[in-house]
Amino acid sequence: MIFVRDIMMRRVKTIGPEKTLREAARAMSKSKIGSIVVAEGKPLGIVTEGDVLRAVGRGLDPSKTRVGALMSRKLVTITPDEKLENAAKLMAEAHVKKLPVMEGGKLIGIVTQTDIVDSSFDLVTSLKEMVRARYRPPDFQP
């Protein structure tokens, strides 16, 4: 059984709500991530690369637009002790691709759809290898 804590990214990039979209985009680009949690002591929301693209597409000036004005305020979170399948279900139900991981009121990580797919792929690959090894005749020569 895989839990959120097993695959979550522990270093979560955050930004203050007063920062600009340009600063958020630079931080995401530098860290090679697709989202940044907006926080002021505690998590307030999240801004994704898609949010930045939509804002620019609407003609908003990224050097003047504050992330606090654009962030998704309905922050859907999960705890590290949840099963990975529950995280996937929560993402599907809430229509989100990223879940900040909270423990004791503190942000301790983030898990994404990509993390879940990658871990599932690794699990399936391992299971396939186990099955192949189990059913391979003793005199089998690859």
N, C-alpha and C. Protein backbone atom coordinates (compact mmCIF):
# COMPACT_ATOMS: atom_id res chain seq x y z
N MET A 1 0.84 -1.17 0.00
CA MET A 1 0.00 0.00 0.00
C MET A 1 0.90 1.25 0.00
N ILE A 2 0.56 2.20 -0.85
CA ILE A 2 1.35 3.42 -0.96
C ILE A 2 0.57 4.57 -0.34
N PHE A 3 1.26 5.38 0.42
CA PHE A 3 0.65 6.53 1.07
C PHE A 3 1.19 7.82 0.47
N VAL A 4 0.46 8.90 0.68
CA VAL A 4 0.87 10.21 0.16
C VAL A 4 2.29 10.54 0.61
N ARG A 5 2.63 10.26 1.87
CA ARG A 5 3.97 10.58 2.40
C ARG A 5 5.08 9.87 1.63
N ASP A 6 4.75 8.74 0.99
CA ASP A 6 5.75 7.97 0.26
C ASP A 6 6.18 8.62 -1.05
N ILE A 7 5.32 9.45 -1.62
CA ILE A 7 5.66 10.02 -2.93
C ILE A 7 5.63 11.54 -2.97
N MET A 8 5.15 12.18 -1.91
CA MET A 8 5.01 13.65 -1.95
C MET A 8 6.38 14.32 -2.08
N MET A 9 6.37 15.49 -2.70
CA MET A 9 7.57 16.30 -2.77
C MET A 9 7.61 17.12 -1.48
N ARG A 10 8.70 17.00 -0.76
CA ARG A 10 8.77 17.64 0.55
C ARG A 10 9.15 19.11 0.52
N ARG A 11 9.86 19.51 -0.49
CA ARG A 11 10.20 20.93 -0.62
C ARG A 11 9.12 21.61 -1.44
N VAL A 12 8.32 22.42 -0.78
CA VAL A 12 7.23 23.10 -1.45
C VAL A 12 7.62 24.56 -1.64
N LYS A 13 7.55 25.01 -2.86
CA LYS A 13 7.85 26.40 -3.16
C LYS A 13 6.63 27.24 -2.81
N THR A 14 6.84 28.33 -2.06
CA THR A 14 5.75 29.22 -1.70
C THR A 14 6.09 30.65 -2.13
N ILE A 15 5.05 31.46 -2.18
CA ILE A 15 5.20 32.86 -2.55
C ILE A 15 4.14 33.66 -1.80
N GLY A 16 4.45 34.88 -1.47
CA GLY A 16 3.49 35.73 -0.78
C GLY A 16 2.43 36.26 -1.73
N PRO A 17 1.23 36.56 -1.22
CA PRO A 17 0.13 37.01 -2.08
C PRO A 17 0.38 38.37 -2.73
N GLU A 18 1.31 39.15 -2.17
CA GLU A 18 1.60 40.48 -2.72
C GLU A 18 2.58 40.42 -3.89
N LYS A 19 3.20 39.28 -4.12
CA LYS A 19 4.15 39.13 -5.23
C LYS A 19 3.41 39.13 -6.56
N THR A 20 4.15 39.41 -7.62
CA THR A 20 3.53 39.50 -8.95
C THR A 20 3.52 38.14 -9.65
N LEU A 21 2.70 38.07 -10.70
CA LEU A 21 2.68 36.87 -11.52
C LEU A 21 4.03 36.62 -12.17
N ARG A 22 4.71 37.68 -12.54
CA ARG A 22 6.04 37.55 -13.12
C ARG A 22 6.99 36.86 -12.12
N GLU A 23 6.93 37.28 -10.86
CA GLU A 23 7.77 36.66 -9.84
C GLU A 23 7.39 35.19 -9.63
N ALA A 24 6.11 34.91 -9.66
CA ALA A 24 5.64 33.52 -9.52
C ALA A 24 6.12 32.68 -10.70
N ALA A 25 5.99 33.23 -11.91
CA ALA A 25 6.42 32.50 -13.10
C ALA A 25 7.93 32.24 -13.07
N ARG A 26 8.69 33.23 -12.65
CA ARG A 26 10.15 33.04 -12.55
C ARG A 26 10.50 31.96 -11.53
N ALA A 27 9.83 31.99 -10.39
CA ALA A 27 10.09 31.01 -9.34
C ALA A 27 9.75 29.60 -9.81
N MET A 28 8.61 29.46 -10.52
CA MET A 28 8.22 28.15 -11.03
C MET A 28 9.21 27.68 -12.10
N SER A 29 9.60 28.58 -12.98
CA SER A 29 10.54 28.23 -14.04
C SER A 29 11.89 27.82 -13.47
N LYS A 30 12.39 28.60 -12.52
CA LYS A 30 13.68 28.30 -11.90
C LYS A 30 13.67 26.95 -11.18
N SER A 31 12.57 26.65 -10.52
CA SER A 31 12.47 25.39 -9.77
C SER A 31 11.95 24.23 -10.61
N LYS A 32 11.57 24.53 -11.86
CA LYS A 32 11.04 23.51 -12.77
C LYS A 32 9.81 22.82 -12.18
N ILE A 33 8.86 23.66 -11.73
CA ILE A 33 7.61 23.16 -11.15
C ILE A 33 6.43 23.83 -11.85
N GLY A 34 5.26 23.23 -11.74
CA GLY A 34 4.09 23.74 -12.43
C GLY A 34 3.12 24.50 -11.56
N SER A 35 3.48 24.68 -10.29
CA SER A 35 2.59 25.43 -9.40
C SER A 35 3.40 25.98 -8.24
N ILE A 36 2.81 26.97 -7.58
CA ILE A 36 3.44 27.54 -6.40
C ILE A 36 2.34 27.84 -5.39
N VAL A 37 2.56 27.46 -4.15
CA VAL A 37 1.57 27.68 -3.10
C VAL A 37 1.70 29.12 -2.62
N VAL A 38 0.57 29.80 -2.54
CA VAL A 38 0.53 31.17 -2.03
C VAL A 38 0.33 31.07 -0.52
N ALA A 39 1.27 31.65 0.22
CA ALA A 39 1.22 31.52 1.67
C ALA A 39 1.62 32.82 2.35
N GLU A 40 1.03 33.01 3.50
CA GLU A 40 1.38 34.12 4.38
C GLU A 40 1.26 33.56 5.80
N GLY A 41 2.34 32.89 6.21
CA GLY A 41 2.28 32.16 7.47
C GLY A 41 1.62 30.80 7.29
N LYS A 42 0.49 30.78 6.64
CA LYS A 42 -0.21 29.54 6.33
C LYS A 42 -0.62 29.57 4.86
N PRO A 43 -0.86 28.41 4.26
CA PRO A 43 -1.26 28.37 2.85
C PRO A 43 -2.61 29.06 2.64
N LEU A 44 -2.67 29.91 1.63
CA LEU A 44 -3.89 30.65 1.30
C LEU A 44 -4.52 30.19 0.00
N GLY A 45 -3.67 29.70 -0.92
CA GLY A 45 -4.15 29.31 -2.23
C GLY A 45 -3.01 28.74 -3.04
N ILE A 46 -3.25 28.61 -4.33
CA ILE A 46 -2.23 28.06 -5.22
C ILE A 46 -2.35 28.74 -6.58
N VAL A 47 -1.22 28.95 -7.22
CA VAL A 47 -1.17 29.49 -8.57
C VAL A 47 -0.44 28.47 -9.43
N THR A 48 -1.03 28.14 -10.58
CA THR A 48 -0.43 27.17 -11.48
C THR A 48 0.05 27.87 -12.75
N GLU A 49 0.85 27.15 -13.51
CA GLU A 49 1.31 27.72 -14.78
C GLU A 49 0.12 28.01 -15.70
N GLY A 50 -0.92 27.22 -15.59
CA GLY A 50 -2.13 27.46 -16.37
C GLY A 50 -2.79 28.78 -15.98
N ASP A 51 -2.79 29.09 -14.68
CA ASP A 51 -3.35 30.37 -14.22
C ASP A 51 -2.57 31.53 -14.82
N VAL A 52 -1.25 31.40 -14.85
CA VAL A 52 -0.40 32.45 -15.41
C VAL A 52 -0.70 32.63 -16.89
N LEU A 53 -0.80 31.53 -17.63
CA LEU A 53 -1.10 31.60 -19.07
C LEU A 53 -2.46 32.24 -19.34
N ARG A 54 -3.46 31.85 -18.55
CA ARG A 54 -4.79 32.43 -18.74
C ARG A 54 -4.78 33.93 -18.45
N ALA A 55 -4.06 34.35 -17.42
CA ALA A 55 -3.99 35.77 -17.07
C ALA A 55 -3.34 36.58 -18.19
N VAL A 56 -2.23 36.06 -18.71
CA VAL A 56 -1.55 36.74 -19.81
C VAL A 56 -2.45 36.75 -21.04
N GLY A 57 -3.14 35.66 -21.30
CA GLY A 57 -4.06 35.58 -22.43
C GLY A 57 -5.21 36.57 -22.34
N ARG A 58 -5.60 36.90 -21.11
CA ARG A 58 -6.67 37.88 -20.90
C ARG A 58 -6.15 39.32 -20.93
N GLY A 59 -4.84 39.45 -21.12
CA GLY A 59 -4.27 40.79 -21.22
C GLY A 59 -3.81 41.39 -19.90
N LEU A 60 -3.79 40.60 -18.84
CA LEU A 60 -3.31 41.12 -17.55
C LEU A 60 -1.79 41.28 -17.61
N ASP A 61 -1.29 42.32 -17.00
CA ASP A 61 0.14 42.60 -16.97
C ASP A 61 0.78 41.76 -15.86
N PRO A 62 1.63 40.79 -16.21
CA PRO A 62 2.23 39.92 -15.20
C PRO A 62 3.14 40.65 -14.22
N SER A 63 3.64 41.81 -14.60
CA SER A 63 4.52 42.55 -13.68
C SER A 63 3.71 43.42 -12.71
N LYS A 64 2.40 43.51 -12.91
CA LYS A 64 1.56 44.32 -12.02
C LYS A 64 0.49 43.49 -11.29
N THR A 65 0.13 42.36 -11.86
CA THR A 65 -0.92 41.52 -11.28
C THR A 65 -0.36 40.73 -10.10
N ARG A 66 -1.01 40.84 -8.97
CA ARG A 66 -0.59 40.14 -7.75
C ARG A 66 -1.13 38.71 -7.74
N VAL A 67 -0.31 37.79 -7.25
CA VAL A 67 -0.75 36.39 -7.20
C VAL A 67 -1.95 36.22 -6.29
N GLY A 68 -2.05 37.04 -5.26
CA GLY A 68 -3.20 36.97 -4.36
C GLY A 68 -4.52 37.23 -5.05
N ALA A 69 -4.49 38.02 -6.13
CA ALA A 69 -5.70 38.32 -6.87
C ALA A 69 -6.08 37.20 -7.84
N LEU A 70 -5.13 36.35 -8.15
CA LEU A 70 -5.35 35.33 -9.17
C LEU A 70 -5.36 33.90 -8.63
N MET A 71 -4.88 33.70 -7.42
CA MET A 71 -4.73 32.35 -6.89
C MET A 71 -6.08 31.64 -6.75
N SER A 72 -6.03 30.34 -6.82
CA SER A 72 -7.21 29.52 -6.52
C SER A 72 -7.35 29.52 -5.01
N ARG A 73 -8.44 30.08 -4.54
CA ARG A 73 -8.62 30.25 -3.09
C ARG A 73 -9.16 28.99 -2.41
N LYS A 74 -9.82 28.16 -3.19
CA LYS A 74 -10.34 26.91 -2.61
C LYS A 74 -9.19 25.91 -2.61
N LEU A 75 -8.40 25.96 -1.58
CA LEU A 75 -7.22 25.10 -1.48
C LEU A 75 -7.63 23.73 -0.95
N VAL A 76 -7.54 22.74 -1.81
CA VAL A 76 -7.87 21.37 -1.43
C VAL A 76 -6.57 20.73 -0.96
N THR A 77 -6.58 20.21 0.26
CA THR A 77 -5.36 19.63 0.84
C THR A 77 -5.61 18.19 1.26
N ILE A 78 -4.51 17.53 1.64
CA ILE A 78 -4.57 16.14 2.08
C ILE A 78 -3.52 15.95 3.17
N THR A 79 -3.66 14.89 3.94
CA THR A 79 -2.67 14.58 4.97
C THR A 79 -1.70 13.52 4.44
N PRO A 80 -0.51 13.44 5.03
CA PRO A 80 0.48 12.48 4.53
C PRO A 80 0.10 11.03 4.76
N ASP A 81 -0.82 10.77 5.68
CA ASP A 81 -1.19 9.39 6.01
C ASP A 81 -2.32 8.83 5.17
N GLU A 82 -2.81 9.62 4.21
CA GLU A 82 -3.86 9.13 3.31
C GLU A 82 -3.27 8.16 2.29
N LYS A 83 -4.08 7.20 1.90
CA LYS A 83 -3.66 6.28 0.84
C LYS A 83 -3.60 7.06 -0.47
N LEU A 84 -2.70 6.63 -1.32
CA LEU A 84 -2.52 7.29 -2.61
C LEU A 84 -3.80 7.24 -3.45
N GLU A 85 -4.53 6.14 -3.36
CA GLU A 85 -5.78 6.04 -4.12
C GLU A 85 -6.78 7.09 -3.65
N ASN A 86 -6.78 7.42 -2.36
CA ASN A 86 -7.67 8.46 -1.85
C ASN A 86 -7.27 9.83 -2.39
N ALA A 87 -5.97 10.06 -2.53
CA ALA A 87 -5.49 11.32 -3.11
C ALA A 87 -5.97 11.44 -4.55
N ALA A 88 -5.88 10.36 -5.31
CA ALA A 88 -6.32 10.37 -6.71
C ALA A 88 -7.82 10.65 -6.79
N LYS A 89 -8.59 10.01 -5.92
CA LYS A 89 -10.04 10.23 -5.90
C LYS A 89 -10.37 11.68 -5.55
N LEU A 90 -9.68 12.21 -4.56
CA LEU A 90 -9.90 13.60 -4.14
C LEU A 90 -9.59 14.57 -5.27
N MET A 91 -8.50 14.33 -5.98
CA MET A 91 -8.15 15.17 -7.12
C MET A 91 -9.24 15.14 -8.18
N ALA A 92 -9.73 13.95 -8.47
CA ALA A 92 -10.78 13.80 -9.49
C ALA A 92 -12.06 14.51 -9.06
N GLU A 93 -12.46 14.31 -7.83
CA GLU A 93 -13.70 14.91 -7.32
C GLU A 93 -13.61 16.43 -7.26
N ALA A 94 -12.45 16.95 -6.87
CA ALA A 94 -12.28 18.40 -6.71
C ALA A 94 -11.81 19.08 -7.99
N HIS A 95 -11.51 18.29 -9.02
CA HIS A 95 -11.01 18.82 -10.30
C HIS A 95 -9.73 19.63 -10.12
N VAL A 96 -8.79 19.05 -9.36
CA VAL A 96 -7.48 19.67 -9.16
C VAL A 96 -6.39 18.68 -9.54
N LYS A 97 -5.21 19.20 -9.84
CA LYS A 97 -4.09 18.35 -10.24
C LYS A 97 -2.98 18.34 -9.20
N LYS A 98 -3.12 19.17 -8.17
CA LYS A 98 -2.08 19.28 -7.15
C LYS A 98 -2.73 19.38 -5.78
N LEU A 99 -2.18 18.63 -4.82
CA LEU A 99 -2.69 18.66 -3.46
C LEU A 99 -1.58 19.03 -2.49
N PRO A 100 -1.66 20.20 -1.87
CA PRO A 100 -0.73 20.50 -0.79
C PRO A 100 -0.96 19.49 0.35
N VAL A 101 0.11 19.06 0.97
CA VAL A 101 0.03 18.08 2.06
C VAL A 101 0.21 18.83 3.37
N MET A 102 -0.78 18.69 4.25
CA MET A 102 -0.79 19.41 5.52
C MET A 102 -0.71 18.42 6.69
N GLU A 103 0.03 18.82 7.71
CA GLU A 103 0.10 18.02 8.93
C GLU A 103 0.24 18.98 10.11
N GLY A 104 -0.68 18.85 11.06
CA GLY A 104 -0.63 19.73 12.22
C GLY A 104 -0.75 21.20 11.85
N GLY A 105 -1.53 21.50 10.81
CA GLY A 105 -1.71 22.88 10.38
C GLY A 105 -0.56 23.46 9.59
N LYS A 106 0.44 22.62 9.29
CA LYS A 106 1.61 23.10 8.55
C LYS A 106 1.70 22.43 7.19
N LEU A 107 2.19 23.20 6.21
CA LEU A 107 2.45 22.69 4.88
C LEU A 107 3.74 21.89 4.90
N ILE A 108 3.65 20.59 4.59
CA ILE A 108 4.85 19.75 4.66
C ILE A 108 5.23 19.11 3.32
N GLY A 109 4.38 19.30 2.31
CA GLY A 109 4.68 18.71 1.02
C GLY A 109 3.60 19.02 0.01
N ILE A 110 3.76 18.43 -1.16
CA ILE A 110 2.76 18.55 -2.22
C ILE A 110 2.81 17.27 -3.05
N VAL A 111 1.65 16.83 -3.50
CA VAL A 111 1.56 15.66 -4.36
C VAL A 111 0.76 16.07 -5.59
N THR A 112 1.22 15.60 -6.76
CA THR A 112 0.58 15.98 -8.01
C THR A 112 0.08 14.74 -8.74
N GLN A 113 -0.76 14.99 -9.75
CA GLN A 113 -1.23 13.89 -10.58
C GLN A 113 -0.05 13.17 -11.22
N THR A 114 0.95 13.93 -11.63
CA THR A 114 2.13 13.33 -12.25
C THR A 114 2.84 12.40 -11.26
N ASP A 115 2.94 12.81 -10.01
CA ASP A 115 3.56 11.95 -8.98
C ASP A 115 2.80 10.63 -8.86
N ILE A 116 1.48 10.72 -8.88
CA ILE A 116 0.65 9.52 -8.74
C ILE A 116 0.81 8.60 -9.95
N VAL A 117 0.79 9.18 -11.13
CA VAL A 117 0.97 8.37 -12.35
C VAL A 117 2.35 7.71 -12.36
N ASP A 118 3.38 8.49 -12.03
CA ASP A 118 4.74 7.93 -12.00
C ASP A 118 4.85 6.78 -11.00
N SER A 119 4.30 6.95 -9.82
CA SER A 119 4.40 5.88 -8.81
C SER A 119 3.59 4.67 -9.23
N SER A 120 2.45 4.90 -9.87
CA SER A 120 1.62 3.79 -10.34
C SER A 120 2.33 3.02 -11.44
N PHE A 121 2.99 3.75 -12.34
CA PHE A 121 3.74 3.12 -13.42
C PHE A 121 4.86 2.25 -12.84
N ASP A 122 5.59 2.79 -11.85
CA ASP A 122 6.66 2.02 -11.21
C ASP A 122 6.11 0.76 -10.56
N LEU A 123 4.95 0.87 -9.91
CA LEU A 123 4.35 -0.28 -9.25
C LEU A 123 3.94 -1.34 -10.27
N VAL A 124 3.30 -0.92 -11.35
CA VAL A 124 2.87 -1.87 -12.38
C VAL A 124 4.10 -2.54 -13.01
N THR A 125 5.13 -1.79 -13.28
CA THR A 125 6.36 -2.35 -13.86
C THR A 125 6.96 -3.39 -12.93
N SER A 126 7.02 -3.09 -11.64
CA SER A 126 7.56 -4.04 -10.66
C SER A 126 6.71 -5.31 -10.59
N LEU A 127 5.40 -5.14 -10.61
CA LEU A 127 4.52 -6.31 -10.57
C LEU A 127 4.68 -7.18 -11.82
N LYS A 128 4.83 -6.55 -12.97
CA LYS A 128 5.04 -7.31 -14.21
C LYS A 128 6.33 -8.13 -14.12
N GLU A 129 7.38 -7.53 -13.60
CA GLU A 129 8.65 -8.24 -13.46
C GLU A 129 8.52 -9.41 -12.49
N MET A 130 7.77 -9.22 -11.41
CA MET A 130 7.57 -10.30 -10.44
C MET A 130 6.82 -11.47 -11.09
N VAL A 131 5.79 -11.14 -11.87
CA VAL A 131 5.00 -12.19 -12.54
C VAL A 131 5.87 -12.92 -13.56
N ARG A 132 6.64 -12.18 -14.33
CA ARG A 132 7.52 -12.82 -15.33
C ARG A 132 8.52 -13.75 -14.65
N ALA A 133 9.11 -13.30 -13.58
CA ALA A 133 10.10 -14.11 -12.87
C ALA A 133 9.46 -15.37 -12.29
N ARG A 134 8.25 -15.23 -11.81
CA ARG A 134 7.58 -16.36 -11.17
C ARG A 134 7.18 -17.43 -12.17
N TYR A 135 6.79 -17.03 -13.36
CA TYR A 135 6.29 -17.99 -14.34
C TYR A 135 7.31 -18.35 -15.41
N ARG A 136 8.54 -17.95 -15.23
CA ARG A 136 9.60 -18.29 -16.18
C ARG A 136 10.08 -19.72 -15.90
N PRO A 137 10.15 -20.56 -16.90
CA PRO A 137 10.65 -21.92 -16.69
C PRO A 137 12.10 -21.88 -16.17
N PRO A 138 12.49 -22.84 -15.35
CA PRO A 138 13.85 -22.85 -14.77
C PRO A 138 14.96 -22.83 -15.80
N ASP A 139 14.75 -23.43 -16.94
CA ASP A 139 15.80 -23.50 -17.95
C ASP A 139 15.68 -22.37 -18.99
N PHE A 140 14.88 -21.34 -18.68
CA PHE A 140 14.66 -20.22 -19.59
C PHE A 140 15.94 -19.41 -19.79
N GLN A 141 16.28 -19.14 -21.05
CA GLN A 141 17.45 -18.32 -21.40
C GLN A 141 16.94 -17.09 -22.17
N PRO A 142 17.04 -15.90 -21.62
CA PRO A 142 16.57 -14.71 -22.34
C PRO A 142 17.42 -14.37 -23.54
